[in-house]
Amino acid sequence: MKLFYKAGACSLSPHIVLRESGLDFTLVKVDLAAKKTESGDDYLAINPKGQVPALQLDDGSLLTEGVAIVQYLADKVPDRQLLAPAGSMTRYHTLEWLNYIATELHKGFSPLFRPDTPEAYKQTARGLLEKKLQYVNDELTDKQWLMGLRFSVADAYLFTVLRWGKAIKLNFDGLDNIEHYLARMQARPAVAAALAAEGL
């Protein structure tokens, strides 16, 4: 399998999951501005959406959208218990978190990364994200991971977007549960390996 990625982007989430899974894969860096891979291939010919992540499977087919990719990877290695089995409420709560991270957190960062966003709106966007970080912090009370005692694919995604919050200097004052959570994540060998491979 090949994971098309940009360092530190949302593709970090499936990158971490790939390393947690133990599956064989190669990384292909993408210049999103030029829409070229590191070897000079036209990325739009590979993924017409032009975004990362994209996972090229061994049969040549392509899977896009991080939330779909991490579920696919977790289901390939059920023994790793990265996602609870179908039919269990734990699985649906994990999917609930994946969707919350995608729609409420990830998308909330988009205006902050765009140079054409008016400064006044950036302040509004930051305030909304900081409220949502408080919610996440509260949800992590007395929990090692989002789903409790077991690391899941949702943790890889949450870690990725929390890193963005640090990068743009959102206010993390008093968010001790998040701070401890980030330290636990960085201590995981798969996370450390993914960050090192992306030069982060």
Protein backbone atom coordinates (compact mmCIF):
# COMPACT_ATOMS: atom_id res chain seq x y z
CA MET A 1 0.00 0.00 0.00
CA LYS A 2 1.04 3.60 -0.59
CA LEU A 3 -0.01 6.50 1.63
CA PHE A 4 0.05 9.87 -0.09
CA TYR A 5 0.74 12.49 2.58
CA LYS A 6 1.86 16.01 3.43
CA ALA A 7 3.94 16.39 6.59
CA GLY A 8 1.79 17.33 9.58
CA ALA A 9 -1.44 17.45 7.57
CA CYS A 10 -4.51 15.31 8.32
CA SER A 11 -2.70 12.42 6.57
CA LEU A 12 -0.72 12.05 9.82
CA SER A 13 -3.76 10.24 11.27
CA PRO A 14 -3.77 7.27 8.82
CA HIS A 15 0.05 7.33 8.91
CA ILE A 16 -0.08 6.67 12.67
CA VAL A 17 -2.75 4.00 12.18
CA LEU A 18 -0.61 2.28 9.52
CA ARG A 19 2.29 2.13 11.96
CA GLU A 20 0.00 0.85 14.74
CA SER A 21 -1.39 -1.79 12.36
CA GLY A 22 1.93 -3.40 11.46
CA LEU A 23 0.87 -3.50 7.78
CA ASP A 24 3.44 -2.97 5.02
CA PHE A 25 3.25 0.44 3.35
CA THR A 26 5.30 3.10 1.65
CA LEU A 27 4.98 6.87 2.04
CA VAL A 28 4.68 9.19 -0.93
CA LYS A 29 5.07 12.90 -0.18
CA VAL A 30 2.78 15.30 -2.05
CA ASP A 31 3.29 18.98 -2.81
CA LEU A 32 -0.33 20.09 -2.48
CA ALA A 33 0.29 23.53 -4.00
CA ALA A 34 1.87 22.09 -7.15
CA LYS A 35 -0.27 18.90 -7.07
CA LYS A 36 2.86 16.82 -7.68
CA THR A 37 4.28 13.80 -5.88
CA GLU A 38 7.89 13.80 -4.72
CA SER A 39 8.84 11.89 -7.89
CA GLY A 40 7.14 14.54 -10.07
CA ASP A 41 3.96 12.61 -10.91
CA ASP A 42 0.71 14.52 -11.45
CA TYR A 43 -1.13 14.00 -8.17
CA LEU A 44 -4.50 14.89 -9.72
CA ALA A 45 -4.10 11.88 -12.04
CA ILE A 46 -3.78 9.70 -8.92
CA ASN A 47 -6.38 11.46 -6.77
CA PRO A 48 -8.69 13.88 -8.63
CA LYS A 49 -9.72 15.43 -5.29
CA GLY A 50 -6.16 16.77 -5.03
CA GLN A 51 -6.06 16.37 -1.25
CA VAL A 52 -4.34 14.09 1.23
CA PRO A 53 -4.61 11.49 2.57
CA ALA A 54 -5.06 8.96 -0.19
CA LEU A 55 -4.28 5.27 0.21
CA GLN A 56 -3.41 3.27 -2.89
CA LEU A 57 -4.19 -0.38 -2.27
CA ASP A 58 -2.17 -3.33 -3.53
CA ASP A 59 -4.65 -3.84 -6.40
CA GLY A 60 -4.10 -0.25 -7.54
CA SER A 61 -7.45 1.07 -6.33
CA LEU A 62 -7.59 4.26 -4.29
CA LEU A 63 -9.29 5.05 -0.99
CA THR A 64 -9.55 8.68 0.11
CA GLU A 65 -10.90 10.55 3.19
CA GLY A 66 -9.02 9.95 6.42
CA VAL A 67 -12.04 8.72 8.38
CA ALA A 68 -12.71 6.00 5.78
CA ILE A 69 -9.02 5.06 5.49
CA VAL A 70 -8.50 4.51 9.22
CA GLN A 71 -11.63 2.33 9.46
CA TYR A 72 -10.43 0.24 6.50
CA LEU A 73 -6.98 -0.21 8.06
CA ALA A 74 -8.38 -1.10 11.49
CA ASP A 75 -10.71 -3.70 9.98
CA LYS A 76 -7.77 -5.31 8.14
CA VAL A 77 -6.06 -6.08 11.46
CA PRO A 78 -8.84 -6.86 13.96
CA ASP A 79 -6.29 -8.46 16.32
CA ARG A 80 -4.77 -4.98 16.89
CA GLN A 81 -8.12 -3.76 18.29
CA LEU A 82 -7.80 -0.30 16.74
CA LEU A 83 -11.58 -0.22 16.21
CA ALA A 84 -14.16 -2.27 18.11
CA PRO A 85 -16.09 -4.96 16.18
CA ALA A 86 -19.20 -4.19 14.12
CA GLY A 87 -22.32 -4.26 16.23
CA SER A 88 -20.63 -3.07 19.43
CA MET A 89 -21.56 0.31 20.89
CA THR A 90 -17.87 1.03 21.40
CA ARG A 91 -17.41 0.96 17.62
CA TYR A 92 -20.22 3.46 17.10
CA HIS A 93 -18.89 5.73 19.82
CA THR A 94 -15.50 5.61 18.09
CA LEU A 95 -17.17 6.55 14.79
CA GLU A 96 -19.02 9.31 16.63
CA TRP A 97 -15.65 10.73 17.72
CA LEU A 98 -14.17 10.39 14.22
CA ASN A 99 -17.09 12.38 12.82
CA TYR A 100 -16.88 15.01 15.56
CA ILE A 101 -13.15 15.47 14.96
CA ALA A 102 -13.72 15.70 11.19
CA THR A 103 -16.66 18.11 11.20
CA GLU A 104 -16.29 20.17 14.36
CA LEU A 105 -12.51 20.31 14.88
CA HIS A 106 -10.75 19.63 11.55
CA LYS A 107 -13.09 21.82 9.48
CA GLY A 108 -12.90 24.51 12.17
CA PHE A 109 -9.20 24.95 11.41
CA SER A 110 -9.74 25.50 7.66
CA PRO A 111 -10.33 29.29 7.84
CA LEU A 112 -7.23 29.68 10.00
CA PHE A 113 -5.03 28.08 7.33
CA ARG A 114 -6.39 30.20 4.47
CA PRO A 115 -4.53 33.45 3.71
CA ASP A 116 -7.72 35.09 2.35
CA THR A 117 -9.78 34.64 5.55
CA PRO A 118 -10.61 38.06 7.08
CA GLU A 119 -8.79 38.64 10.37
CA ALA A 120 -12.07 39.26 12.24
CA TYR A 121 -13.40 35.88 11.18
CA LYS A 122 -10.15 34.19 12.21
CA GLN A 123 -10.74 35.45 15.75
CA THR A 124 -14.26 34.00 15.71
CA ALA A 125 -12.94 30.68 14.40
CA ARG A 126 -10.28 30.54 17.11
CA GLY A 127 -12.87 31.22 19.81
CA LEU A 128 -15.13 28.43 18.51
CA LEU A 129 -12.23 25.97 18.45
CA GLU A 130 -11.17 26.89 21.98
CA LYS A 131 -14.72 26.14 23.23
CA LYS A 132 -14.58 22.76 21.53
CA LEU A 133 -11.16 22.04 23.06
CA GLN A 134 -12.75 22.58 26.47
CA TYR A 135 -15.35 19.93 25.57
CA VAL A 136 -12.61 17.49 24.50
CA ASN A 137 -10.68 18.22 27.69
CA ASP A 138 -13.79 17.46 29.78
CA GLU A 139 -14.41 14.24 27.85
CA LEU A 140 -10.86 13.07 28.59
CA THR A 141 -11.42 13.30 32.37
CA ASP A 142 -10.24 10.04 33.97
CA LYS A 143 -9.56 8.51 30.54
CA GLN A 144 -6.29 7.32 29.10
CA TRP A 145 -7.64 7.41 25.51
CA LEU A 146 -10.83 8.74 23.92
CA MET A 147 -12.51 5.34 24.29
CA GLY A 148 -11.15 4.75 27.79
CA LEU A 149 -8.40 2.21 28.33
CA ARG A 150 -7.85 1.22 24.69
CA PHE A 151 -6.15 3.31 21.99
CA SER A 152 -8.31 3.59 18.85
CA VAL A 153 -8.21 5.13 15.39
CA ALA A 154 -10.00 8.19 16.84
CA ASP A 155 -6.93 8.95 18.96
CA ALA A 156 -4.70 9.18 15.89
CA TYR A 157 -7.05 11.77 14.37
CA LEU A 158 -7.54 13.77 17.57
CA PHE A 159 -3.77 13.94 18.13
CA THR A 160 -3.29 15.23 14.58
CA VAL A 161 -5.73 18.14 14.96
CA LEU A 162 -4.59 18.98 18.51
CA ARG A 163 -1.07 19.44 17.09
CA TRP A 164 -2.52 22.11 14.76
CA GLY A 165 -4.00 23.86 17.79
CA LYS A 166 -0.53 24.01 19.33
CA ALA A 167 0.99 25.23 16.04
CA ILE A 168 -1.39 28.19 15.75
CA LYS A 169 -1.15 28.90 19.49
CA LEU A 170 -4.74 28.29 20.53
CA ASN A 171 -5.23 28.82 24.26
CA PHE A 172 -4.58 25.50 26.06
CA ASP A 173 -4.49 27.09 29.54
CA GLY A 174 -6.17 24.81 32.06
CA LEU A 175 -6.62 21.98 29.56
CA ASP A 176 -4.56 19.57 31.65
CA ASN A 177 -6.34 16.44 30.40
CA ILE A 178 -5.40 17.35 26.82
CA GLU A 179 -1.80 18.11 27.81
CA HIS A 180 -1.41 14.72 29.53
CA TYR A 181 -3.13 13.03 26.58
CA LEU A 182 -0.71 14.63 24.09
CA ALA A 183 2.24 13.42 26.19
CA ARG A 184 0.84 9.86 26.21
CA MET A 185 0.34 9.98 22.45
CA GLN A 186 3.88 11.20 21.78
CA ALA A 187 5.22 8.36 23.94
CA ARG A 188 3.60 5.71 21.71
CA PRO A 189 6.27 4.12 19.46
CA ALA A 190 4.03 4.26 16.35
CA VAL A 191 3.32 7.96 16.90
CA ALA A 192 6.99 8.78 17.47
CA ALA A 193 7.91 6.82 14.32
CA ALA A 194 5.28 8.63 12.22
CA LEU A 195 6.41 12.05 13.45
CA ALA A 196 10.05 11.17 12.77
CA ALA A 197 9.27 9.88 9.27
CA GLU A 198 7.46 13.14 8.45
CA GLY A 199 10.27 15.25 9.90
CA LEU A 200 8.06 16.72 12.63
